[in-house]
Amino acid sequence: MLQLQLSDESLSADVLFKRVPSGYASSASILPPTPLLSSSSSRTKSAAPKPRWDLLYPDEPISIKIVPQRYLAPTETSWNHRIGWISVINTAGQIIYDPFVTYPKEDGLKKYFYNKRYDVVKEDLLFSNGARDGKEVERNLTKLLDGRTVVVHGGQSYSDSFYFYDEALGDSLVWDTQKLYSDMQNDGQPTLSTVSRLVLGRSIRGECDDTRRPDQDATTAMELYLLRFPYDREAKRKGFEESGMNALISKIASTKKHKLKKAKSSAHLPLIRPDSVPAVPKRPETSHGSCRPSSDPPEKGMNAAAQFALRLQRRHFADLGAHGQGRRGSQQDSSIHGTGRLSIMT
């Protein structure tokens, strides 16, 4: 296997600049500096055991890194792999999903999970230590990956890492940064560490030891992808906020209208319009009045609003004199009561 031998001179700033293919931008202009993450002191090293849907735009590319666990079925002679720890990050380097994964016990199935590079052991896959159920994780990943651009580095075997959902990556556009930067090494298969040193000018390892987290790998791969295919997240944010605000305003107006209509319907009250105000029977003693037959009570056939208006009118006429003048004080406005009609203020 060919190995790339790098001298101090080959890593100098001038040589590094010449080795970078044309059209690449500085990573500092793409992503803000991401602090190196150390192992958590809590019972789980997971930074996001449940998906952070709120940190992801609908069309935003994501980058994934899988630390596999190995298993040997009783009828098999070779070990297979499935997800042990997976990190999903967005274009801003934020962790969207970062669970440890445990799968149901199966008779005769052997499991192995140890990786010195990522400082993981089999105890990380216990429910008591924060691991999540494999079917739940793969179902969430299927929703996250569906129809998106997915960035990996050397992830040819990722499609085989799903134990329950074989086609989890079937509808995704997968970009492998190992192939994007294949010219960085003679054999066309540069490691992520190699590409990070040559293109980004930094190491992805921890400051204090040789271990690292999968989200650091995913973030580095995303930076390398964005150098070739920029994604203006700020413009996307403004566009989604603007369209989301317009949709929210329409939704609020529609909701208010629906609630008002529902409230009126539940109270059996009609919509009050100028041309549909219920007619109120006039006082029989007045010249303008019309009298219903005594066998037909005025309240019959009226809805609740009309009956209430009729009772209010009767009370009003009980307070009027023979010529329409008020009995309870001369301060009443004759322009309102003099006609013997009821005025409803809306």
C-alpha atoms as a PDB file:
ATOM      1  CA  MET A   1       0.000   0.000   0.000  1.00  0.00           C
ATOM      2  CA  LEU A   2       1.394   3.383  -0.980  1.00  0.00           C
ATOM      3  CA  GLN A   3       1.944   5.912   1.765  1.00  0.00           C
ATOM      4  CA  LEU A   4       2.359   9.621   1.337  1.00  0.00           C
ATOM      5  CA  GLN A   5       5.664  10.849   2.757  1.00  0.00           C
ATOM      6  CA  LEU A   6       5.479  14.495   3.792  1.00  0.00           C
ATOM      7  CA  SER A   7       8.512  16.606   4.590  1.00  0.00           C
ATOM      8  CA  ASP A   8       8.576  19.873   6.504  1.00  0.00           C
ATOM      9  CA  GLU A   9       9.080  21.675   3.221  1.00  0.00           C
ATOM     10  CA  SER A  10       6.040  20.051   1.640  1.00  0.00           C
ATOM     11  CA  LEU A  11       3.861  21.399   4.441  1.00  0.00           C
ATOM     12  CA  SER A  12       5.101  24.978   4.181  1.00  0.00           C
ATOM     13  CA  ALA A  13       2.582  27.692   3.402  1.00  0.00           C
ATOM     14  CA  ASP A  14       3.822  28.294  -0.156  1.00  0.00           C
ATOM     15  CA  VAL A  15       3.866  24.642  -1.135  1.00  0.00           C
ATOM     16  CA  LEU A  16       0.522  24.032   0.543  1.00  0.00           C
ATOM     17  CA  PHE A  17      -1.033  26.888  -1.411  1.00  0.00           C
ATOM     18  CA  LYS A  18       0.283  25.458  -4.674  1.00  0.00           C
ATOM     19  CA  ARG A  19      -1.038  21.977  -3.892  1.00  0.00           C
ATOM     20  CA  VAL A  20      -4.564  23.196  -3.276  1.00  0.00           C
ATOM     21  CA  PRO A  21      -6.602  22.931  -6.508  1.00  0.00           C
ATOM     22  CA  SER A  22      -7.880  26.168  -7.957  1.00  0.00           C
ATOM     23  CA  GLY A  23     -11.299  27.392  -6.926  1.00  0.00           C
ATOM     24  CA  TYR A  24     -10.990  26.462  -3.244  1.00  0.00           C
ATOM     25  CA  ALA A  25     -11.933  29.015  -0.636  1.00  0.00           C
ATOM     26  CA  SER A  26     -10.567  29.463   2.836  1.00  0.00           C
ATOM     27  CA  SER A  27     -12.356  27.277   5.377  1.00  0.00           C
ATOM     28  CA  ALA A  28     -12.427  30.206   7.790  1.00  0.00           C
ATOM     29  CA  SER A  29     -14.884  31.969   5.477  1.00  0.00           C
ATOM     30  CA  ILE A  30     -17.141  28.914   5.364  1.00  0.00           C
ATOM     31  CA  LEU A  31     -17.413  27.728   8.949  1.00  0.00           C
ATOM     32  CA  PRO A  32     -16.726  29.417  12.273  1.00  0.00           C
ATOM     33  CA  PRO A  33     -13.979  27.874  14.415  1.00  0.00           C
ATOM     34  CA  THR A  34     -15.290  24.756  16.127  1.00  0.00           C
ATOM     35  CA  PRO A  35     -13.846  24.098  19.594  1.00  0.00           C
ATOM     36  CA  LEU A  36     -12.422  20.640  20.071  1.00  0.00           C
ATOM     37  CA  LEU A  37     -14.764  18.488  22.082  1.00  0.00           C
ATOM     38  CA  SER A  38     -13.489  16.355  24.901  1.00  0.00           C
ATOM     39  CA  SER A  39     -15.098  13.228  26.261  1.00  0.00           C
ATOM     40  CA  SER A  40     -18.066  14.047  28.434  1.00  0.00           C
ATOM     41  CA  SER A  41     -17.849  13.363  32.143  1.00  0.00           C
ATOM     42  CA  SER A  42     -21.488  12.223  32.146  1.00  0.00           C
ATOM     43  CA  ARG A  43     -22.588   8.635  31.666  1.00  0.00           C
ATOM     44  CA  THR A  44     -22.814   9.113  27.916  1.00  0.00           C
ATOM     45  CA  LYS A  45     -20.442  10.785  25.488  1.00  0.00           C
ATOM     46  CA  SER A  46     -23.331  11.539  23.147  1.00  0.00           C
ATOM     47  CA  ALA A  47     -23.840  15.239  22.428  1.00  0.00           C
ATOM     48  CA  ALA A  48     -27.328  14.789  20.934  1.00  0.00           C
ATOM     49  CA  PRO A  49     -29.019  11.445  21.709  1.00  0.00           C
ATOM     50  CA  LYS A  50     -32.189  12.751  20.017  1.00  0.00           C
ATOM     51  CA  PRO A  51     -32.401  14.580  16.658  1.00  0.00           C
ATOM     52  CA  ARG A  52     -32.217  18.384  16.698  1.00  0.00           C
ATOM     53  CA  TRP A  53     -34.658  19.007  13.865  1.00  0.00           C
ATOM     54  CA  ASP A  54     -34.723  22.715  14.747  1.00  0.00           C
ATOM     55  CA  LEU A  55     -31.098  23.146  13.606  1.00  0.00           C
ATOM     56  CA  LEU A  56     -31.641  21.870  10.079  1.00  0.00           C
ATOM     57  CA  TYR A  57     -33.125  23.556   7.015  1.00  0.00           C
ATOM     58  CA  PRO A  58     -35.228  21.440   4.630  1.00  0.00           C
ATOM     59  CA  ASP A  59     -32.689  21.444   1.769  1.00  0.00           C
ATOM     60  CA  GLU A  60     -29.503  21.714   3.834  1.00  0.00           C
ATOM     61  CA  PRO A  61     -26.685  19.220   3.198  1.00  0.00           C
ATOM     62  CA  ILE A  62     -25.545  17.102   6.138  1.00  0.00           C
ATOM     63  CA  SER A  63     -22.355  15.233   6.908  1.00  0.00           C
ATOM     64  CA  ILE A  64     -22.220  11.903   8.729  1.00  0.00           C
ATOM     65  CA  LYS A  65     -19.566   9.773  10.377  1.00  0.00           C
ATOM     66  CA  ILE A  66     -20.234   6.226  11.582  1.00  0.00           C
ATOM     67  CA  VAL A  67     -18.137   4.415  14.179  1.00  0.00           C
ATOM     68  CA  PRO A  68     -19.173   0.807  13.528  1.00  0.00           C
ATOM     69  CA  GLN A  69     -19.842  -2.008  15.924  1.00  0.00           C
ATOM     70  CA  ARG A  70     -19.084  -5.501  14.697  1.00  0.00           C
ATOM     71  CA  TYR A  71     -21.278  -8.553  15.040  1.00  0.00           C
ATOM     72  CA  LEU A  72     -21.035 -12.215  14.124  1.00  0.00           C
ATOM     73  CA  ALA A  73     -24.195 -14.164  13.397  1.00  0.00           C
ATOM     74  CA  PRO A  74     -24.234 -17.809  14.510  1.00  0.00           C
ATOM     75  CA  THR A  75     -24.553 -19.034  10.923  1.00  0.00           C
ATOM     76  CA  GLU A  76     -21.834 -16.726   9.547  1.00  0.00           C
ATOM     77  CA  THR A  77     -18.071 -17.146   9.454  1.00  0.00           C
ATOM     78  CA  SER A  78     -17.128 -13.483   8.947  1.00  0.00           C
ATOM     79  CA  TRP A  79     -17.891 -10.426  11.022  1.00  0.00           C
ATOM     80  CA  ASN A  80     -20.282  -7.769   9.737  1.00  0.00           C
ATOM     81  CA  HIS A  81     -20.702  -4.185  10.870  1.00  0.00           C
ATOM     82  CA  ARG A  82     -23.570  -1.892  11.858  1.00  0.00           C
ATOM     83  CA  ILE A  83     -23.902   1.482  13.546  1.00  0.00           C
ATOM     84  CA  GLY A  84     -22.232   1.814  16.932  1.00  0.00           C
ATOM     85  CA  TRP A  85     -21.951   5.597  17.150  1.00  0.00           C
ATOM     86  CA  ILE A  86     -23.030   8.060  14.472  1.00  0.00           C
ATOM     87  CA  SER A  87     -22.709  11.833  14.230  1.00  0.00           C
ATOM     88  CA  VAL A  88     -24.762  14.037  11.924  1.00  0.00           C
ATOM     89  CA  ILE A  89     -23.834  17.709  11.502  1.00  0.00           C
ATOM     90  CA  ASN A  90     -25.191  20.595   9.416  1.00  0.00           C
ATOM     91  CA  THR A  91     -23.321  23.122   7.255  1.00  0.00           C
ATOM     92  CA  ALA A  92     -22.639  25.319  10.299  1.00  0.00           C
ATOM     93  CA  GLY A  93     -20.862  22.509  12.139  1.00  0.00           C
ATOM     94  CA  GLN A  94     -23.728  22.066  14.609  1.00  0.00           C
ATOM     95  CA  ILE A  95     -24.463  18.559  15.859  1.00  0.00           C
ATOM     96  CA  ILE A  96     -27.882  17.398  14.672  1.00  0.00           C
ATOM     97  CA  TYR A  97     -27.765  13.821  15.941  1.00  0.00           C
ATOM     98  CA  ASP A  98     -25.090  11.956  17.886  1.00  0.00           C
ATOM     99  CA  PRO A  99     -26.402   8.722  19.443  1.00  0.00           C
ATOM    100  CA  PHE A 100     -24.759   5.528  20.575  1.00  0.00           C
ATOM    101  CA  VAL A 101     -26.770   2.628  19.184  1.00  0.00           C
ATOM    102  CA  THR A 102     -27.712  -0.657  20.789  1.00  0.00           C
ATOM    103  CA  TYR A 103     -29.538  -3.508  19.077  1.00  0.00           C
ATOM    104  CA  PRO A 104     -31.796  -6.209  20.531  1.00  0.00           C
ATOM    105  CA  LYS A 105     -30.206  -9.355  21.875  1.00  0.00           C
ATOM    106  CA  GLU A 106     -30.230 -12.288  19.492  1.00  0.00           C
ATOM    107  CA  ASP A 107     -29.435 -15.859  20.442  1.00  0.00           C
ATOM    108  CA  GLY A 108     -25.937 -16.820  19.420  1.00  0.00           C
ATOM    109  CA  LEU A 109     -25.074 -13.348  18.072  1.00  0.00           C
ATOM    110  CA  LYS A 110     -21.669 -12.050  19.132  1.00  0.00           C
ATOM    111  CA  LYS A 111     -20.993  -8.311  19.433  1.00  0.00           C
ATOM    112  CA  TYR A 112     -17.766  -6.359  19.481  1.00  0.00           C
ATOM    113  CA  PHE A 113     -17.389  -2.621  19.993  1.00  0.00           C
ATOM    114  CA  TYR A 114     -14.004  -1.144  20.710  1.00  0.00           C
ATOM    115  CA  ASN A 115     -12.220   1.659  18.926  1.00  0.00           C
ATOM    116  CA  LYS A 116      -9.183   3.293  20.454  1.00  0.00           C
ATOM    117  CA  ARG A 117      -9.221   6.203  18.005  1.00  0.00           C
ATOM    118  CA  TYR A 118     -12.680   7.310  19.169  1.00  0.00           C
ATOM    119  CA  ASP A 119     -12.268   6.141  22.779  1.00  0.00           C
ATOM    120  CA  VAL A 120     -15.300   3.868  22.766  1.00  0.00           C
ATOM    121  CA  VAL A 121     -15.948   0.596  24.583  1.00  0.00           C
ATOM    122  CA  LYS A 122     -18.825  -1.879  24.716  1.00  0.00           C
ATOM    123  CA  GLU A 123     -20.252  -0.234  27.862  1.00  0.00           C
ATOM    124  CA  ASP A 124     -21.134   2.796  25.724  1.00  0.00           C
ATOM    125  CA  LEU A 125     -23.815   0.651  24.065  1.00  0.00           C
ATOM    126  CA  LEU A 126     -25.796   0.068  27.269  1.00  0.00           C
ATOM    127  CA  PHE A 127     -29.210   1.672  27.734  1.00  0.00           C
ATOM    128  CA  SER A 128     -28.132   2.591  31.255  1.00  0.00           C
ATOM    129  CA  ASN A 129     -25.319   4.665  29.745  1.00  0.00           C
ATOM    130  CA  GLY A 130     -27.563   6.580  27.357  1.00  0.00           C
ATOM    131  CA  ALA A 131     -27.529   4.387  24.253  1.00  0.00           C
ATOM    132  CA  ARG A 132     -30.593   4.481  22.011  1.00  0.00           C
ATOM    133  CA  ASP A 133     -32.553   1.647  20.434  1.00  0.00           C
ATOM    134  CA  GLY A 134     -31.243   0.673  16.997  1.00  0.00           C
ATOM    135  CA  LYS A 135     -34.607   0.662  15.252  1.00  0.00           C
ATOM    136  CA  GLU A 136     -35.440   4.118  16.641  1.00  0.00           C
ATOM    137  CA  VAL A 137     -32.087   5.542  15.532  1.00  0.00           C
ATOM    138  CA  GLU A 138     -32.263   4.069  12.032  1.00  0.00           C
ATOM    139  CA  ARG A 139     -35.831   5.332  11.615  1.00  0.00           C
ATOM    140  CA  ASN A 140     -34.737   8.857  12.593  1.00  0.00           C
ATOM    141  CA  LEU A 141     -31.744   8.639  10.268  1.00  0.00           C
ATOM    142  CA  THR A 142     -33.975   7.578   7.392  1.00  0.00           C
ATOM    143  CA  LYS A 143     -36.015  10.756   7.890  1.00  0.00           C
ATOM    144  CA  LEU A 144     -32.890  12.912   8.197  1.00  0.00           C
ATOM    145  CA  LEU A 145     -31.170  11.498   5.124  1.00  0.00           C
ATOM    146  CA  ASP A 146     -34.195  11.252   2.844  1.00  0.00           C
ATOM    147  CA  GLY A 147     -33.662  13.336  -0.305  1.00  0.00           C
ATOM    148  CA  ARG A 148     -30.689  15.252   1.111  1.00  0.00           C
ATOM    149  CA  THR A 149     -27.123  15.748   0.041  1.00  0.00           C
ATOM    150  CA  VAL A 150     -25.056  13.558   2.388  1.00  0.00           C
ATOM    151  CA  VAL A 151     -21.319  14.117   2.818  1.00  0.00           C
ATOM    152  CA  VAL A 152     -18.997  11.285   3.887  1.00  0.00           C
ATOM    153  CA  HIS A 153     -15.295  10.519   3.707  1.00  0.00           C
ATOM    154  CA  GLY A 154     -14.427   7.005   2.653  1.00  0.00           C
ATOM    155  CA  GLY A 155     -17.942   5.880   3.462  1.00  0.00           C
ATOM    156  CA  GLN A 156     -18.379   3.250   0.770  1.00  0.00           C
ATOM    157  CA  SER A 157     -19.680   0.778   3.354  1.00  0.00           C
ATOM    158  CA  TYR A 158     -22.137   3.157   5.042  1.00  0.00           C
ATOM    159  CA  SER A 159     -25.084   1.844   3.061  1.00  0.00           C
ATOM    160  CA  ASP A 160     -24.426  -1.602   4.587  1.00  0.00           C
ATOM    161  CA  SER A 161     -24.337  -0.240   8.139  1.00  0.00           C
ATOM    162  CA  PHE A 162     -28.107  -0.057   8.519  1.00  0.00           C
ATOM    163  CA  TYR A 163     -29.405  -3.203  10.181  1.00  0.00           C
ATOM    164  CA  PHE A 164     -33.165  -2.607   9.840  1.00  0.00           C
ATOM    165  CA  TYR A 165     -33.440  -0.127   6.938  1.00  0.00           C
ATOM    166  CA  ASP A 166     -31.451  -1.324   3.937  1.00  0.00           C
ATOM    167  CA  GLU A 167     -32.350   1.638   1.706  1.00  0.00           C
ATOM    168  CA  ALA A 168     -31.689   4.451   4.195  1.00  0.00           C
ATOM    169  CA  LEU A 169     -29.339   6.178   1.725  1.00  0.00           C
ATOM    170  CA  GLY A 170     -31.269   5.175  -1.376  1.00  0.00           C
ATOM    171  CA  ASP A 171     -32.806   8.603  -2.098  1.00  0.00           C
ATOM    172  CA  SER A 172     -29.787  10.639  -0.971  1.00  0.00           C
ATOM    173  CA  LEU A 173     -27.103  12.303  -3.076  1.00  0.00           C
ATOM    174  CA  VAL A 174     -23.885  11.062  -1.466  1.00  0.00           C
ATOM    175  CA  TRP A 175     -20.624  12.981  -1.897  1.00  0.00           C
ATOM    176  CA  ASP A 176     -17.435  11.250  -0.786  1.00  0.00           C
ATOM    177  CA  THR A 177     -14.711  13.802  -0.045  1.00  0.00           C
ATOM    178  CA  GLN A 178     -12.107  11.073  -0.422  1.00  0.00           C
ATOM    179  CA  LYS A 179     -13.011  10.984  -4.114  1.00  0.00           C
ATOM    180  CA  LEU A 180     -13.360  14.774  -4.345  1.00  0.00           C
ATOM    181  CA  TYR A 181      -9.768  15.115  -3.118  1.00  0.00           C
ATOM    182  CA  SER A 182      -8.337  11.936  -4.615  1.00  0.00           C
ATOM    183  CA  ASP A 183      -5.515  13.977  -6.173  1.00  0.00           C
ATOM    184  CA  MET A 184      -4.081  14.595  -2.703  1.00  0.00           C
ATOM    185  CA  GLN A 185      -2.512  11.123  -2.638  1.00  0.00           C
ATOM    186  CA  ASN A 186      -0.946   8.886  -5.271  1.00  0.00           C
ATOM    187  CA  ASP A 187      -3.287   5.958  -4.715  1.00  0.00           C
ATOM    188  CA  GLY A 188      -6.367   8.211  -4.883  1.00  0.00           C
ATOM    189  CA  GLN A 189      -7.501   7.294  -1.359  1.00  0.00           C
ATOM    190  CA  PRO A 190      -6.235   9.996   1.005  1.00  0.00           C
ATOM    191  CA  THR A 191      -7.314   9.750   4.612  1.00  0.00           C
ATOM    192  CA  LEU A 192      -9.349  12.510   6.185  1.00  0.00           C
ATOM    193  CA  SER A 193      -6.348  13.499   8.304  1.00  0.00           C
ATOM    194  CA  THR A 194      -4.206  13.864   5.192  1.00  0.00           C
ATOM    195  CA  VAL A 195      -6.717  16.016   3.328  1.00  0.00           C
ATOM    196  CA  SER A 196      -7.311  18.113   6.439  1.00  0.00           C
ATOM    197  CA  ARG A 197      -3.593  18.861   6.761  1.00  0.00           C
ATOM    198  CA  LEU A 198      -3.082  19.623   3.080  1.00  0.00           C
ATOM    199  CA  VAL A 199      -6.236  21.617   2.379  1.00  0.00           C
ATOM    200  CA  LEU A 200      -7.359  23.056   5.716  1.00  0.00           C
ATOM    201  CA  GLY A 201      -3.917  23.288   7.275  1.00  0.00           C
ATOM    202  CA  ARG A 202      -4.841  21.671  10.576  1.00  0.00           C
ATOM    203  CA  SER A 203      -5.129  18.341  12.312  1.00  0.00           C
ATOM    204  CA  ILE A 204      -8.463  16.870  13.333  1.00  0.00           C
ATOM    205  CA  ARG A 205      -7.035  15.097  16.355  1.00  0.00           C
ATOM    206  CA  GLY A 206      -7.505  16.284  19.903  1.00  0.00           C
ATOM    207  CA  GLU A 207      -5.112  18.746  21.441  1.00  0.00           C
ATOM    208  CA  CYS A 208      -4.201  16.517  24.384  1.00  0.00           C
ATOM    209  CA  ASP A 209      -4.284  13.009  22.905  1.00  0.00           C
ATOM    210  CA  ASP A 210      -4.774  11.056  19.705  1.00  0.00           C
ATOM    211  CA  THR A 211      -8.489  10.432  20.217  1.00  0.00           C
ATOM    212  CA  ARG A 212     -11.278  12.302  18.516  1.00  0.00           C
ATOM    213  CA  ARG A 213     -15.044  12.308  18.142  1.00  0.00           C
ATOM    214  CA  PRO A 214     -17.012  11.339  15.025  1.00  0.00           C
ATOM    215  CA  ASP A 215     -18.605  14.787  14.829  1.00  0.00           C
ATOM    216  CA  GLN A 216     -15.116  16.243  14.340  1.00  0.00           C
ATOM    217  CA  ASP A 217     -14.644  13.979  11.333  1.00  0.00           C
ATOM    218  CA  ALA A 218     -18.086  14.901   9.996  1.00  0.00           C
ATOM    219  CA  THR A 219     -17.382  18.616  10.444  1.00  0.00           C
ATOM    220  CA  THR A 220     -14.062  18.351   8.621  1.00  0.00           C
ATOM    221  CA  ALA A 221     -15.670  16.474   5.739  1.00  0.00           C
ATOM    222  CA  MET A 222     -18.381  19.143   5.525  1.00  0.00           C
ATOM    223  CA  GLU A 223     -15.770  21.901   5.342  1.00  0.00           C
ATOM    224  CA  LEU A 224     -14.035  20.101   2.500  1.00  0.00           C
ATOM    225  CA  TYR A 225     -17.333  19.673   0.671  1.00  0.00           C
ATOM    226  CA  LEU A 226     -18.288  23.348   1.097  1.00  0.00           C
ATOM    227  CA  LEU A 227     -15.004  24.451  -0.445  1.00  0.00           C
ATOM    228  CA  ARG A 228     -16.171  22.823  -3.664  1.00  0.00           C
ATOM    229  CA  PHE A 229     -19.928  23.394  -3.306  1.00  0.00           C
ATOM    230  CA  PRO A 230     -20.665  26.482  -1.161  1.00  0.00           C
ATOM    231  CA  TYR A 231     -23.973  26.696   0.675  1.00  0.00           C
ATOM    232  CA  ASP A 232     -25.082  30.186   1.732  1.00  0.00           C
ATOM    233  CA  ARG A 233     -26.796  29.313   4.984  1.00  0.00           C
ATOM    234  CA  GLU A 234     -27.434  32.937   5.932  1.00  0.00           C
ATOM    235  CA  ALA A 235     -29.311  33.593   2.692  1.00  0.00           C
ATOM    236  CA  LYS A 236     -31.281  30.394   3.216  1.00  0.00           C
ATOM    237  CA  ARG A 237     -32.140  31.464   6.746  1.00  0.00           C
ATOM    238  CA  LYS A 238     -33.456  34.831   5.586  1.00  0.00           C
ATOM    239  CA  GLY A 239     -35.456  33.224   2.794  1.00  0.00           C
ATOM    240  CA  PHE A 240     -37.032  30.646   5.083  1.00  0.00           C
ATOM    241  CA  GLU A 241     -37.777  33.264   7.741  1.00  0.00           C
ATOM    242  CA  GLU A 242     -39.480  35.506   5.190  1.00  0.00           C
ATOM    243  CA  SER A 243     -41.546  32.716   3.664  1.00  0.00           C
ATOM    244  CA  GLY A 244     -42.224  31.283   7.091  1.00  0.00           C
ATOM    245  CA  MET A 245     -43.444  34.654   8.395  1.00  0.00           C
ATOM    246  CA  ASN A 246     -45.853  35.064   5.482  1.00  0.00           C
ATOM    247  CA  ALA A 247     -47.144  31.543   6.003  1.00  0.00           C
ATOM    248  CA  LEU A 248     -47.470  32.192   9.731  1.00  0.00           C
ATOM    249  CA  ILE A 249     -49.507  35.371   9.173  1.00  0.00           C
ATOM    250  CA  SER A 250     -51.864  33.531   6.817  1.00  0.00           C
ATOM    251  CA  LYS A 251     -52.152  30.648   9.261  1.00  0.00           C
ATOM    252  CA  ILE A 252     -52.960  32.964  12.189  1.00  0.00           C
ATOM    253  CA  ALA A 253     -55.632  34.800  10.189  1.00  0.00           C
ATOM    254  CA  SER A 254     -57.165  31.522   9.058  1.00  0.00           C
ATOM    255  CA  THR A 255     -57.075  30.130  12.598  1.00  0.00           C
ATOM    256  CA  LYS A 256     -58.778  33.206  14.053  1.00  0.00           C
ATOM    257  CA  LYS A 257     -61.486  33.068  11.397  1.00  0.00           C
ATOM    258  CA  HIS A 258     -62.042  29.370  12.039  1.00  0.00           C
ATOM    259  CA  LYS A 259     -62.235  29.849  15.817  1.00  0.00           C
ATOM    260  CA  LEU A 260     -64.708  32.724  15.461  1.00  0.00           C
ATOM    261  CA  LYS A 261     -66.919  30.700  13.146  1.00  0.00           C
ATOM    262  CA  LYS A 262     -66.728  27.702  15.454  1.00  0.00           C
ATOM    263  CA  ALA A 263     -67.596  29.800  18.522  1.00  0.00           C
ATOM    264  CA  LYS A 264     -70.632  31.285  16.810  1.00  0.00           C
ATOM    265  CA  SER A 265     -71.716  27.887  15.595  1.00  0.00           C
ATOM    266  CA  SER A 266     -71.413  26.343  19.051  1.00  0.00           C
ATOM    267  CA  ALA A 267     -73.490  29.186  20.532  1.00  0.00           C
ATOM    268  CA  HIS A 268     -76.138  28.881  17.737  1.00  0.00           C
ATOM    269  CA  LEU A 269     -75.674  32.555  16.891  1.00  0.00           C
ATOM    270  CA  PRO A 270     -76.060  33.740  13.293  1.00  0.00           C
ATOM    271  CA  LEU A 271     -73.535  35.918  11.527  1.00  0.00           C
ATOM    272  CA  ILE A 272     -74.811  39.500  11.920  1.00  0.00           C
ATOM    273  CA  ARG A 273     -74.912  41.287   8.574  1.00  0.00           C
ATOM    274  CA  PRO A 274     -76.812  44.512   7.687  1.00  0.00           C
ATOM    275  CA  ASP A 275     -79.038  42.664   5.223  1.00  0.00           C
ATOM    276  CA  SER A 276     -79.736  39.723   7.514  1.00  0.00           C
ATOM    277  CA  VAL A 277     -80.709  41.367  10.830  1.00  0.00           C
ATOM    278  CA  PRO A 278     -83.719  39.402  12.092  1.00  0.00           C
ATOM    279  CA  ALA A 279     -86.987  41.333  11.782  1.00  0.00           C
ATOM    280  CA  VAL A 280     -88.433  42.335  15.147  1.00  0.00           C
ATOM    281  CA  PRO A 281     -92.238  42.395  15.460  1.00  0.00           C
ATOM    282  CA  LYS A 282     -93.628  45.877  16.080  1.00  0.00           C
ATOM    283  CA  ARG A 283     -95.813  46.884  19.011  1.00  0.00           C
ATOM    284  CA  PRO A 284     -99.461  46.029  18.190  1.00  0.00           C
ATOM    285  CA  GLU A 285    -100.793  49.375  19.539  1.00  0.00           C
ATOM    286  CA  THR A 286     -98.703  51.489  17.160  1.00  0.00           C
ATOM    287  CA  SER A 287     -99.843  52.497  13.701  1.00  0.00           C
ATOM    288  CA  HIS A 288     -96.817  50.731  12.219  1.00  0.00           C
ATOM    289  CA  GLY A 289     -97.367  47.507  14.108  1.00  0.00           C
ATOM    290  CA  SER A 290     -98.434  44.156  12.802  1.00  0.00           C
ATOM    291  CA  CYS A 291    -100.026  41.566  15.031  1.00  0.00           C
ATOM    292  CA  ARG A 292     -99.420  37.830  14.795  1.00  0.00           C
ATOM    293  CA  PRO A 293    -102.413  35.547  15.301  1.00  0.00           C
ATOM    294  CA  SER A 294    -102.865  34.666  18.940  1.00  0.00           C
ATOM    295  CA  SER A 295    -102.545  30.999  18.076  1.00  0.00           C
ATOM    296  CA  ASP A 296     -99.004  31.589  16.793  1.00  0.00           C
ATOM    297  CA  PRO A 297     -96.723  32.725  19.659  1.00  0.00           C
ATOM    298  CA  PRO A 298     -94.124  35.318  18.540  1.00  0.00           C
ATOM    299  CA  GLU A 299     -91.275  33.195  19.905  1.00  0.00           C
ATOM    300  CA  LYS A 300     -92.149  30.185  17.780  1.00  0.00           C
ATOM    301  CA  GLY A 301     -89.737  29.623  14.918  1.00  0.00           C
ATOM    302  CA  MET A 302     -87.233  32.229  16.177  1.00  0.00           C
ATOM    303  CA  ASN A 303     -83.647  31.517  16.998  1.00  0.00           C
ATOM    304  CA  ALA A 304     -82.052  32.476  20.305  1.00  0.00           C
ATOM    305  CA  ALA A 305     -80.850  35.896  19.108  1.00  0.00           C
ATOM    306  CA  ALA A 306     -84.303  36.909  17.783  1.00  0.00           C
ATOM    307  CA  GLN A 307     -86.050  35.736  20.952  1.00  0.00           C
ATOM    308  CA  PHE A 308     -83.632  37.749  23.062  1.00  0.00           C
ATOM    309  CA  ALA A 309     -84.242  40.841  20.899  1.00  0.00           C
ATOM    310  CA  LEU A 310     -88.016  40.385  21.259  1.00  0.00           C
ATOM    311  CA  ARG A 311     -87.822  40.164  25.038  1.00  0.00           C
ATOM    312  CA  LEU A 312     -85.611  43.229  25.105  1.00  0.00           C
ATOM    313  CA  GLN A 313     -88.122  45.117  22.931  1.00  0.00           C
ATOM    314  CA  ARG A 314     -91.020  44.200  25.206  1.00  0.00           C
ATOM    315  CA  ARG A 315     -89.114  45.463  28.194  1.00  0.00           C
ATOM    316  CA  HIS A 316     -88.354  48.648  26.295  1.00  0.00           C
ATOM    317  CA  PHE A 317     -91.994  49.299  25.342  1.00  0.00           C
ATOM    318  CA  ALA A 318     -93.093  48.631  28.918  1.00  0.00           C
ATOM    319  CA  ASP A 319     -91.114  51.710  29.901  1.00  0.00           C
ATOM    320  CA  LEU A 320     -92.746  53.965  27.248  1.00  0.00           C
ATOM    321  CA  GLY A 321     -95.859  56.083  27.674  1.00  0.00           C
ATOM    322  CA  ALA A 322     -98.927  56.123  25.438  1.00  0.00           C
ATOM    323  CA  HIS A 323     -97.241  58.484  22.993  1.00  0.00           C
ATOM    324  CA  GLY A 324     -93.789  56.956  23.123  1.00  0.00           C
ATOM    325  CA  GLN A 325     -92.414  59.202  25.910  1.00  0.00           C
ATOM    326  CA  GLY A 326     -90.299  57.616  28.576  1.00  0.00           C
ATOM    327  CA  ARG A 327     -91.632  57.150  32.086  1.00  0.00           C
ATOM    328  CA  ARG A 328     -88.290  56.848  33.831  1.00  0.00           C
ATOM    329  CA  GLY A 329     -86.949  60.306  33.176  1.00  0.00           C
ATOM    330  CA  SER A 330     -86.989  62.955  30.502  1.00  0.00           C
ATOM    331  CA  GLN A 331     -83.295  62.506  29.801  1.00  0.00           C
ATOM    332  CA  GLN A 332     -83.958  59.670  27.340  1.00  0.00           C
ATOM    333  CA  ASP A 333     -83.346  60.571  23.733  1.00  0.00           C
ATOM    334  CA  SER A 334     -86.679  60.810  21.896  1.00  0.00           C
ATOM    335  CA  SER A 335     -84.895  60.302  18.583  1.00  0.00           C
ATOM    336  CA  ILE A 336     -84.167  56.747  19.639  1.00  0.00           C
ATOM    337  CA  HIS A 337     -87.386  55.800  21.428  1.00  0.00           C
ATOM    338  CA  GLY A 338     -89.945  58.059  19.726  1.00  0.00           C
ATOM    339  CA  THR A 339     -90.483  55.721  16.785  1.00  0.00           C
ATOM    340  CA  GLY A 340     -91.194  52.762  18.971  1.00  0.00           C
ATOM    341  CA  ARG A 341     -88.310  50.833  17.319  1.00  0.00           C
ATOM    342  CA  LEU A 342     -85.446  48.987  18.962  1.00  0.00           C
ATOM    343  CA  SER A 343     -81.932  50.230  18.168  1.00  0.00           C
ATOM    344  CA  ILE A 344     -79.236  47.554  18.329  1.00  0.00           C
ATOM    345  CA  MET A 345     -75.652  48.912  18.653  1.00  0.00           C
ATOM    346  CA  THR A 346     -72.995  46.754  17.107  1.00  0.00           C
END
